[in-house]
Amino acid sequence: MPSIFLSYRRVDTSGHTGRLSDALEAKFGHDAVFHDVQSIEAGNRFDEVIDSALAKCRVFIPLIGDRTLFQATLSR
């Protein structure tokens, strides 16, 4: 199970997440990083896979983009 979990919104940080995932995988190995598009196999329930990965990760990295912050401000 991956020990590094990347959390992001595709609308504004997917490119950054992809590059960060590549760099972390180069340093720690492919199996160490949870990046949804690479870590969830077809046919698996994404919510269950994400819940399990979150529960077992040692490092949680949220990527927060401009649109994420703007959306959070509108929600208040």
Protein backbone atom coordinates (compact mmCIF):
# COMPACT_ATOMS: atom_id res chain seq x y z
CA MET A 1 0.00 0.00 0.00
CA PRO A 2 1.36 3.45 -0.89
CA SER A 3 2.67 5.53 1.98
CA ILE A 4 2.37 8.93 0.22
CA PHE A 5 -1.15 10.10 -0.65
CA LEU A 6 -1.64 12.95 -3.13
CA SER A 7 -4.93 14.83 -2.81
CA TYR A 8 -5.90 17.34 -5.49
CA ARG A 9 -8.63 18.77 -7.69
CA ARG A 10 -8.23 17.92 -11.34
CA VAL A 11 -9.63 21.26 -12.44
CA ASP A 12 -6.65 23.27 -11.20
CA THR A 13 -3.79 21.09 -9.94
CA SER A 14 -3.72 17.90 -12.02
CA GLY A 15 -0.63 18.94 -13.99
CA HIS A 16 1.30 19.81 -10.84
CA THR A 17 0.16 16.57 -9.22
CA GLY A 18 1.39 14.54 -12.16
CA ARG A 19 4.85 16.11 -12.02
CA LEU A 20 5.04 15.74 -8.23
CA SER A 21 3.93 12.12 -8.50
CA ASP A 22 6.64 11.43 -11.08
CA ALA A 23 9.31 13.02 -8.87
CA LEU A 24 8.18 11.15 -5.75
CA GLU A 25 8.04 7.86 -7.64
CA ALA A 26 11.56 8.43 -8.96
CA LYS A 27 12.78 8.99 -5.41
CA PHE A 28 10.70 6.47 -3.41
CA GLY A 29 9.39 4.00 -6.01
CA HIS A 30 6.13 3.65 -7.91
CA ASP A 31 4.42 1.67 -5.15
CA ALA A 32 5.08 4.39 -2.56
CA VAL A 33 2.80 7.02 -4.14
CA PHE A 34 -1.00 7.05 -4.29
CA HIS A 35 -2.12 9.10 -7.28
CA ASP A 36 -5.69 8.19 -8.18
CA VAL A 37 -5.28 7.99 -11.96
CA GLN A 38 -2.36 5.60 -11.54
CA SER A 39 -3.35 3.78 -8.34
CA ILE A 40 -7.00 2.81 -8.83
CA GLU A 41 -7.38 -0.22 -11.06
CA ALA A 42 -10.35 -0.56 -13.40
CA GLY A 43 -13.32 -2.22 -11.76
CA ASN A 44 -12.43 -1.19 -8.21
CA ARG A 45 -14.69 1.12 -6.24
CA PHE A 46 -12.78 4.39 -6.10
CA ASP A 47 -14.29 5.45 -2.77
CA GLU A 48 -13.19 2.23 -1.06
CA VAL A 49 -9.71 2.38 -2.57
CA ILE A 50 -9.27 6.02 -1.52
CA ASP A 51 -10.56 5.37 2.01
CA SER A 52 -8.16 2.45 2.42
CA ALA A 53 -5.19 4.39 1.03
CA LEU A 54 -5.92 7.36 3.32
CA ALA A 55 -6.17 5.13 6.36
CA LYS A 56 -2.81 3.51 5.64
CA CYS A 57 -0.75 6.43 4.31
CA ARG A 58 2.10 7.91 6.33
CA VAL A 59 2.26 11.19 4.39
CA PHE A 60 -0.74 13.19 3.11
CA ILE A 61 0.03 15.93 0.59
CA PRO A 62 -2.87 18.21 -0.36
CA LEU A 63 -2.32 20.26 -3.51
CA ILE A 64 -4.32 23.46 -3.32
CA GLY A 65 -4.73 25.58 -6.44
CA ASP A 66 -6.16 29.02 -7.07
CA ARG A 67 -9.56 27.67 -8.09
CA THR A 68 -9.70 25.50 -4.96
CA LEU A 69 -9.18 28.53 -2.74
CA PHE A 70 -11.69 30.56 -4.74
CA GLN A 71 -14.30 27.81 -4.46
CA ALA A 72 -13.73 27.53 -0.69
CA THR A 73 -14.24 31.29 -0.33
CA LEU A 74 -17.54 31.15 -2.25
CA SER A 75 -18.77 28.31 -0.07
CA ARG A 76 -18.60 30.33 3.12
